[in-house]
């Protein structure tokens, strides 16, 4: 089994970090965005941004799988 690339791991971790560890950055105030509390807006926003982030991680993995690293030996088969 191939290990995931660093780029795809970082791209997949962005939503997790944004949803779990950023609360302390904006929890001191109570603003409203589009008529809903900011913390609820923040969670909805990242719930909508998770699929594009994971799609990007998937595309990075597909690209790295289709272009293997290192020199190929002559006569080697896939």
PDB file of N, CA and C in Angstrom:
ATOM      1  N   UNK A   1       0.842  -1.174   0.000  1.00  0.00           N
ATOM      2  CA  UNK A   1       0.000   0.000   0.000  1.00  0.00           C
ATOM      3  C   UNK A   1       0.888   1.238   0.000  1.00  0.00           C
ATOM      4  N   UNK A   2       0.559   2.183  -0.859  1.00  0.00           N
ATOM      5  CA  UNK A   2       1.333   3.409  -1.011  1.00  0.00           C
ATOM      6  C   UNK A   2       0.958   4.417   0.076  1.00  0.00           C
ATOM      7  N   UNK A   3       1.974   5.072   0.616  1.00  0.00           N
ATOM      8  CA  UNK A   3       1.728   6.111   1.616  1.00  0.00           C
ATOM      9  C   UNK A   3       1.230   7.373   0.924  1.00  0.00           C
ATOM     10  N   UNK A   4       0.310   8.101   1.542  1.00  0.00           N
ATOM     11  CA  UNK A   4      -0.172   9.347   0.927  1.00  0.00           C
ATOM     12  C   UNK A   4       0.919  10.403   0.909  1.00  0.00           C
ATOM     13  N   UNK A   5       0.834  11.284  -0.067  1.00  0.00           N
ATOM     14  CA  UNK A   5       1.822  12.356  -0.182  1.00  0.00           C
ATOM     15  C   UNK A   5       1.579  13.406   0.899  1.00  0.00           C
ATOM     16  N   UNK A   6       2.609  14.162   1.191  1.00  0.00           N
ATOM     17  CA  UNK A   6       2.518  15.198   2.215  1.00  0.00           C
ATOM     18  C   UNK A   6       1.496  16.264   1.824  1.00  0.00           C
ATOM     19  N   UNK A   7       1.463  16.631   0.544  1.00  0.00           N
ATOM     20  CA  UNK A   7       0.507  17.639   0.088  1.00  0.00           C
ATOM     21  C   UNK A   7      -0.935  17.216   0.288  1.00  0.00           C
ATOM     22  N   UNK A   8      -1.244  15.970  -0.015  1.00  0.00           N
ATOM     23  CA  UNK A   8      -2.623  15.514   0.145  1.00  0.00           C
ATOM     24  C   UNK A   8      -2.998  15.403   1.627  1.00  0.00           C
ATOM     25  N   UNK A   9      -2.052  15.008   2.463  1.00  0.00           N
ATOM     26  CA  UNK A   9      -2.336  14.968   3.899  1.00  0.00           C
ATOM     27  C   UNK A   9      -2.608  16.365   4.446  1.00  0.00           C
ATOM     28  N   UNK A  10      -1.797  17.322   4.051  1.00  0.00           N
ATOM     29  CA  UNK A  10      -1.998  18.696   4.524  1.00  0.00           C
ATOM     30  C   UNK A  10      -3.321  19.263   4.032  1.00  0.00           C
ATOM     31  N   UNK A  11      -3.656  18.976   2.784  1.00  0.00           N
ATOM     32  CA  UNK A  11      -4.921  19.467   2.239  1.00  0.00           C
ATOM     33  C   UNK A  11      -6.119  18.835   2.953  1.00  0.00           C
ATOM     34  N   UNK A  12      -5.995  17.590   3.333  1.00  0.00           N
ATOM     35  CA  UNK A  12      -7.081  16.919   4.051  1.00  0.00           C
ATOM     36  C   UNK A  12      -7.168  17.370   5.507  1.00  0.00           C
ATOM     37  N   UNK A  13      -6.065  17.833   6.077  1.00  0.00           N
ATOM     38  CA  UNK A  13      -6.074  18.278   7.474  1.00  0.00           C
ATOM     39  C   UNK A  13      -6.601  19.697   7.656  1.00  0.00           C
ATOM     40  N   UNK A  14      -6.627  20.492   6.606  1.00  0.00           N
ATOM     41  CA  UNK A  14      -7.083  21.888   6.715  1.00  0.00           C
ATOM     42  C   UNK A  14      -8.488  21.983   7.310  1.00  0.00           C
ATOM     43  N   UNK A  15      -9.501  21.265   6.796  1.00  0.00           N
ATOM     44  CA  UNK A  15     -10.831  21.387   7.398  1.00  0.00           C
ATOM     45  C   UNK A  15     -10.884  20.905   8.848  1.00  0.00           C
ATOM     46  N   UNK A  16     -10.159  19.823   9.142  1.00  0.00           N
ATOM     47  CA  UNK A  16     -10.142  19.308  10.516  1.00  0.00           C
ATOM     48  C   UNK A  16      -9.597  20.358  11.482  1.00  0.00           C
ATOM     49  N   UNK A  17      -8.484  20.964  11.119  1.00  0.00           N
ATOM     50  CA  UNK A  17      -7.875  21.985  11.972  1.00  0.00           C
ATOM     51  C   UNK A  17      -8.785  23.205  12.077  1.00  0.00           C
ATOM     52  N   UNK A  18      -9.378  23.614  10.954  1.00  0.00           N
ATOM     53  CA  UNK A  18     -10.252  24.797  10.958  1.00  0.00           C
ATOM     54  C   UNK A  18     -11.488  24.584  11.820  1.00  0.00           C
ATOM     55  N   UNK A  19     -12.034  23.372  11.813  1.00  0.00           N
ATOM     56  CA  UNK A  19     -13.247  23.130  12.588  1.00  0.00           C
ATOM     57  C   UNK A  19     -12.960  22.850  14.057  1.00  0.00           C
ATOM     58  N   UNK A  20     -11.861  22.210  14.357  1.00  0.00           N
ATOM     59  CA  UNK A  20     -11.610  21.774  15.731  1.00  0.00           C
ATOM     60  C   UNK A  20     -10.761  22.734  16.553  1.00  0.00           C
ATOM     61  N   UNK A  21      -9.764  23.347  15.937  1.00  0.00           N
ATOM     62  CA  UNK A  21      -8.796  24.094  16.721  1.00  0.00           C
ATOM     63  C   UNK A  21      -8.851  25.600  16.525  1.00  0.00           C
ATOM     64  N   UNK A  22      -9.758  26.109  15.709  1.00  0.00           N
ATOM     65  CA  UNK A  22      -9.822  27.557  15.512  1.00  0.00           C
ATOM     66  C   UNK A  22     -10.870  28.218  16.385  1.00  0.00           C
ATOM     67  N   UNK A  23     -11.620  27.456  17.133  1.00  0.00           N
ATOM     68  CA  UNK A  23     -12.702  28.020  17.944  1.00  0.00           C
ATOM     69  C   UNK A  23     -12.183  29.068  18.911  1.00  0.00           C
ATOM     70  N   UNK A  24     -11.043  28.842  19.511  1.00  0.00           N
ATOM     71  CA  UNK A  24     -10.529  29.799  20.492  1.00  0.00           C
ATOM     72  C   UNK A  24     -10.157  31.142  19.859  1.00  0.00           C
ATOM     73  N   UNK A  25      -9.979  31.177  18.550  1.00  0.00           N
ATOM     74  CA  UNK A  25      -9.630  32.428  17.874  1.00  0.00           C
ATOM     75  C   UNK A  25     -10.828  33.370  17.742  1.00  0.00           C
ATOM     76  N   UNK A  26     -12.019  32.819  17.609  1.00  0.00           N
ATOM     77  CA  UNK A  26     -13.174  33.674  17.382  1.00  0.00           C
ATOM     78  C   UNK A  26     -14.281  33.505  18.415  1.00  0.00           C
ATOM     79  N   UNK A  27     -14.045  32.794  19.476  1.00  0.00           N
ATOM     80  CA  UNK A  27     -15.094  32.512  20.454  1.00  0.00           C
ATOM     81  C   UNK A  27     -15.323  33.640  21.458  1.00  0.00           C
ATOM     82  N   UNK A  28     -14.530  34.678  21.414  1.00  0.00           N
ATOM     83  CA  UNK A  28     -14.647  35.749  22.409  1.00  0.00           C
ATOM     84  C   UNK A  28     -15.736  36.776  22.076  1.00  0.00           C
ATOM     85  N   UNK A  29     -16.230  36.777  20.862  1.00  0.00           N
ATOM     86  CA  UNK A  29     -17.249  37.745  20.460  1.00  0.00           C
ATOM     87  C   UNK A  29     -18.471  36.994  19.942  1.00  0.00           C
ATOM     88  N   UNK A  30     -19.563  37.702  19.787  1.00  0.00           N
ATOM     89  CA  UNK A  30     -20.794  37.066  19.353  1.00  0.00           C
ATOM     90  C   UNK A  30     -21.358  37.800  18.127  1.00  0.00           C
ATOM     91  N   UNK A  31     -20.673  37.734  17.004  1.00  0.00           N
ATOM     92  CA  UNK A  31     -21.203  38.397  15.806  1.00  0.00           C
ATOM     93  C   UNK A  31     -22.235  37.514  15.098  1.00  0.00           C
ATOM     94  N   UNK A  32     -22.982  38.141  14.214  1.00  0.00           N
ATOM     95  CA  UNK A  32     -23.953  37.434  13.384  1.00  0.00           C
ATOM     96  C   UNK A  32     -23.507  37.545  11.931  1.00  0.00           C
ATOM     97  N   UNK A  33     -23.627  36.462  11.193  1.00  0.00           N
ATOM     98  CA  UNK A  33     -23.317  36.443   9.766  1.00  0.00           C
ATOM     99  C   UNK A  33     -24.513  35.816   9.058  1.00  0.00           C
ATOM    100  N   UNK A  34     -25.081  36.543   8.118  1.00  0.00           N
ATOM    101  CA  UNK A  34     -26.269  36.086   7.384  1.00  0.00           C
ATOM    102  C   UNK A  34     -27.408  35.690   8.321  1.00  0.00           C
ATOM    103  N   UNK A  35     -27.502  36.391   9.441  1.00  0.00           N
ATOM    104  CA  UNK A  35     -28.596  36.155  10.383  1.00  0.00           C
ATOM    105  C   UNK A  35     -28.395  34.973  11.315  1.00  0.00           C
ATOM    106  N   UNK A  36     -27.231  34.331  11.287  1.00  0.00           N
ATOM    107  CA  UNK A  36     -26.966  33.212  12.201  1.00  0.00           C
ATOM    108  C   UNK A  36     -25.703  33.511  12.997  1.00  0.00           C
ATOM    109  N   UNK A  37     -25.579  32.920  14.181  1.00  0.00           N
ATOM    110  CA  UNK A  37     -24.362  33.150  14.973  1.00  0.00           C
ATOM    111  C   UNK A  37     -23.114  32.715  14.204  1.00  0.00           C
ATOM    112  N   UNK A  38     -22.022  33.429  14.432  1.00  0.00           N
ATOM    113  CA  UNK A  38     -20.795  33.183  13.680  1.00  0.00           C
ATOM    114  C   UNK A  38     -20.290  31.759  13.837  1.00  0.00           C
ATOM    115  N   UNK A  39     -20.368  31.187  15.047  1.00  0.00           N
ATOM    116  CA  UNK A  39     -19.847  29.834  15.216  1.00  0.00           C
ATOM    117  C   UNK A  39     -20.629  28.820  14.380  1.00  0.00           C
ATOM    118  N   UNK A  40     -21.928  28.999  14.256  1.00  0.00           N
ATOM    119  CA  UNK A  40     -22.729  28.114  13.413  1.00  0.00           C
ATOM    120  C   UNK A  40     -22.391  28.342  11.933  1.00  0.00           C
ATOM    121  N   UNK A  41     -22.235  29.606  11.552  1.00  0.00           N
ATOM    122  CA  UNK A  41     -21.825  29.926  10.182  1.00  0.00           C
ATOM    123  C   UNK A  41     -20.475  29.298   9.856  1.00  0.00           C
ATOM    124  N   UNK A  42     -19.525  29.373  10.786  1.00  0.00           N
ATOM    125  CA  UNK A  42     -18.180  28.816  10.585  1.00  0.00           C
ATOM    126  C   UNK A  42     -18.247  27.305  10.337  1.00  0.00           C
ATOM    127  N   UNK A  43     -19.027  26.605  11.137  1.00  0.00           N
ATOM    128  CA  UNK A  43     -19.147  25.154  10.970  1.00  0.00           C
ATOM    129  C   UNK A  43     -19.847  24.791   9.660  1.00  0.00           C
ATOM    130  N   UNK A  44     -20.874  25.537   9.285  1.00  0.00           N
ATOM    131  CA  UNK A  44     -21.549  25.283   8.007  1.00  0.00           C
ATOM    132  C   UNK A  44     -20.589  25.553   6.854  1.00  0.00           C
ATOM    133  N   UNK A  45     -19.834  26.654   6.935  1.00  0.00           N
ATOM    134  CA  UNK A  45     -18.871  26.993   5.886  1.00  0.00           C
ATOM    135  C   UNK A  45     -17.863  25.872   5.685  1.00  0.00           C
ATOM    136  N   UNK A  46     -17.281  25.371   6.760  1.00  0.00           N
ATOM    137  CA  UNK A  46     -16.276  24.316   6.620  1.00  0.00           C
ATOM    138  C   UNK A  46     -16.895  22.988   6.232  1.00  0.00           C
ATOM    139  N   UNK A  47     -18.138  22.763   6.596  1.00  0.00           N
ATOM    140  CA  UNK A  47     -18.819  21.553   6.130  1.00  0.00           C
ATOM    141  C   UNK A  47     -18.967  21.597   4.611  1.00  0.00           C
ATOM    142  N   UNK A  48     -19.195  22.791   4.063  1.00  0.00           N
ATOM    143  CA  UNK A  48     -19.293  22.938   2.607  1.00  0.00           C
ATOM    144  C   UNK A  48     -17.927  22.931   1.930  1.00  0.00           C
ATOM    145  N   UNK A  49     -16.861  23.304   2.647  1.00  0.00           N
ATOM    146  CA  UNK A  49     -15.527  23.336   2.062  1.00  0.00           C
ATOM    147  C   UNK A  49     -14.775  22.007   2.158  1.00  0.00           C
ATOM    148  N   UNK A  50     -15.267  21.078   2.955  1.00  0.00           N
ATOM    149  CA  UNK A  50     -14.605  19.779   3.080  1.00  0.00           C
ATOM    150  C   UNK A  50     -14.544  19.032   1.747  1.00  0.00           C
ATOM    151  N   UNK A  51     -15.647  18.904   0.990  1.00  0.00           N
ATOM    152  CA  UNK A  51     -15.548  18.166  -0.281  1.00  0.00           C
ATOM    153  C   UNK A  51     -14.521  18.739  -1.261  1.00  0.00           C
ATOM    154  N   UNK A  52     -14.431  20.066  -1.466  1.00  0.00           N
ATOM    155  CA  UNK A  52     -13.374  20.547  -2.364  1.00  0.00           C
ATOM    156  C   UNK A  52     -11.964  20.245  -1.852  1.00  0.00           C
ATOM    157  N   UNK A  53     -11.755  20.330  -0.541  1.00  0.00           N
ATOM    158  CA  UNK A  53     -10.431  20.017   0.004  1.00  0.00           C
ATOM    159  C   UNK A  53     -10.085  18.551  -0.212  1.00  0.00           C
ATOM    160  N   UNK A  54     -11.025  17.667   0.048  1.00  0.00           N
ATOM    161  CA  UNK A  54     -10.759  16.238  -0.135  1.00  0.00           C
ATOM    162  C   UNK A  54     -10.644  15.885  -1.611  1.00  0.00           C
ATOM    163  N   UNK A  55     -11.377  16.575  -2.479  1.00  0.00           N
ATOM    164  CA  UNK A  55     -11.238  16.355  -3.917  1.00  0.00           C
ATOM    165  C   UNK A  55      -9.830  16.751  -4.365  1.00  0.00           C
ATOM    166  N   UNK A  56      -9.330  17.867  -3.842  1.00  0.00           N
ATOM    167  CA  UNK A  56      -7.970  18.284  -4.172  1.00  0.00           C
ATOM    168  C   UNK A  56      -6.938  17.279  -3.687  1.00  0.00           C
ATOM    169  N   UNK A  57      -7.134  16.746  -2.493  1.00  0.00           N
ATOM    170  CA  UNK A  57      -6.216  15.719  -1.981  1.00  0.00           C
ATOM    171  C   UNK A  57      -6.265  14.475  -2.855  1.00  0.00           C
ATOM    172  N   UNK A  58      -7.458  14.096  -3.280  1.00  0.00           N
ATOM    173  CA  UNK A  58      -7.620  12.938  -4.168  1.00  0.00           C
ATOM    174  C   UNK A  58      -6.910  13.170  -5.499  1.00  0.00           C
ATOM    175  N   UNK A  59      -7.055  14.367  -6.052  1.00  0.00           N
ATOM    176  CA  UNK A  59      -6.390  14.676  -7.323  1.00  0.00           C
ATOM    177  C   UNK A  59      -4.869  14.645  -7.176  1.00  0.00           C
ATOM    178  N   UNK A  60      -4.351  15.130  -6.063  1.00  0.00           N
ATOM    179  CA  UNK A  60      -2.910  15.065  -5.828  1.00  0.00           C
ATOM    180  C   UNK A  60      -2.434  13.614  -5.772  1.00  0.00           C
ATOM    181  N   UNK A  61      -3.208  12.779  -5.120  1.00  0.00           N
ATOM    182  CA  UNK A  61      -2.833  11.366  -5.025  1.00  0.00           C
ATOM    183  C   UNK A  61      -2.904  10.679  -6.385  1.00  0.00           C
ATOM    184  N   UNK A  62      -3.920  10.979  -7.160  1.00  0.00           N
ATOM    185  CA  UNK A  62      -4.020  10.370  -8.500  1.00  0.00           C
ATOM    186  C   UNK A  62      -2.877  10.810  -9.386  1.00  0.00           C
ATOM    187  N   UNK A  63      -2.496  12.088  -9.280  1.00  0.00           N
ATOM    188  CA  UNK A  63      -1.405  12.588 -10.100  1.00  0.00           C
ATOM    189  C   UNK A  63      -0.089  11.926  -9.682  1.00  0.00           C
ATOM    190  N   UNK A  64       0.139  11.773  -8.380  1.00  0.00           N
ATOM    191  CA  UNK A  64       1.383  11.156  -7.939  1.00  0.00           C
ATOM    192  C   UNK A  64       1.396   9.662  -8.257  1.00  0.00           C
ATOM    193  N   UNK A  65       0.239   9.025  -8.317  1.00  0.00           N
ATOM    194  CA  UNK A  65       0.180   7.602  -8.660  1.00  0.00           C
ATOM    195  C   UNK A  65       0.424   7.392 -10.150  1.00  0.00           C
ATOM    196  N   UNK A  66       0.026   8.356 -10.981  1.00  0.00           N
ATOM    197  CA  UNK A  66       0.206   8.195 -12.420  1.00  0.00           C
ATOM    198  C   UNK A  66       1.612   8.587 -12.871  1.00  0.00           C
ATOM    199  N   UNK A  67       2.350   9.296 -12.030  1.00  0.00           N
ATOM    200  CA  UNK A  67       3.727   9.681 -12.331  1.00  0.00           C
ATOM    201  C   UNK A  67       4.630   9.132 -11.228  1.00  0.00           C
ATOM    202  N   UNK A  68       5.047   7.886 -11.338  1.00  0.00           N
ATOM    203  CA  UNK A  68       5.888   7.324 -10.277  1.00  0.00           C
ATOM    204  C   UNK A  68       7.229   8.036 -10.187  1.00  0.00           C
ATOM    205  N   UNK A  69       7.741   8.118  -8.992  1.00  0.00           N
ATOM    206  CA  UNK A  69       9.010   8.803  -8.757  1.00  0.00           C
ATOM    207  C   UNK A  69      10.173   7.866  -9.003  1.00  0.00           C
ATOM    208  N   UNK A  70      11.297   8.446  -9.301  1.00  0.00           N
ATOM    209  CA  UNK A  70      12.521   7.672  -9.450  1.00  0.00           C
ATOM    210  C   UNK A  70      12.668   7.107 -10.841  1.00  0.00           C
ATOM    211  N   UNK A  71      13.877   6.740 -11.181  1.00  0.00           N
ATOM    212  CA  UNK A  71      14.102   6.185 -12.515  1.00  0.00           C
ATOM    213  C   UNK A  71      13.549   4.768 -12.636  1.00  0.00           C
ATOM    214  N   UNK A  72      13.023   4.472 -13.806  1.00  0.00           N
ATOM    215  CA  UNK A  72      12.499   3.141 -14.060  1.00  0.00           C
ATOM    216  C   UNK A  72      13.608   2.289 -14.654  1.00  0.00           C
ATOM    217  N   UNK A  73      13.642   1.058 -14.235  1.00  0.00           N
ATOM    218  CA  UNK A  73      14.617   0.137 -14.824  1.00  0.00           C
ATOM    219  C   UNK A  73      14.089  -0.314 -16.166  1.00  0.00           C
ATOM    220  N   UNK A  74      14.978  -0.451 -17.097  1.00  0.00           N
ATOM    221  CA  UNK A  74      14.586  -0.888 -18.416  1.00  0.00           C
ATOM    222  C   UNK A  74      14.121  -2.335 -18.336  1.00  0.00           C
ATOM    223  N   UNK A  75      13.005  -2.606 -18.947  1.00  0.00           N
ATOM    224  CA  UNK A  75      12.459  -3.958 -18.932  1.00  0.00           C
ATOM    225  C   UNK A  75      11.535  -4.210 -17.761  1.00  0.00           C
ATOM    226  N   UNK A  76      11.390  -3.248 -16.839  1.00  0.00           N
ATOM    227  CA  UNK A  76      10.495  -3.446 -15.707  1.00  0.00           C
ATOM    228  C   UNK A  76       9.057  -3.271 -16.161  1.00  0.00           C
ATOM    229  N   UNK A  77       8.189  -4.080 -15.640  1.00  0.00           N
ATOM    230  CA  UNK A  77       6.767  -3.988 -15.967  1.00  0.00           C
ATOM    231  C   UNK A  77       6.012  -3.453 -14.784  1.00  0.00           C
ATOM    232  N   UNK A  78       4.875  -2.893 -15.046  1.00  0.00           N
ATOM    233  CA  UNK A  78       4.045  -2.350 -13.967  1.00  0.00           C
ATOM    234  C   UNK A  78       3.102  -3.375 -13.455  1.00  0.00           C
TER     235      UNK A  78
END
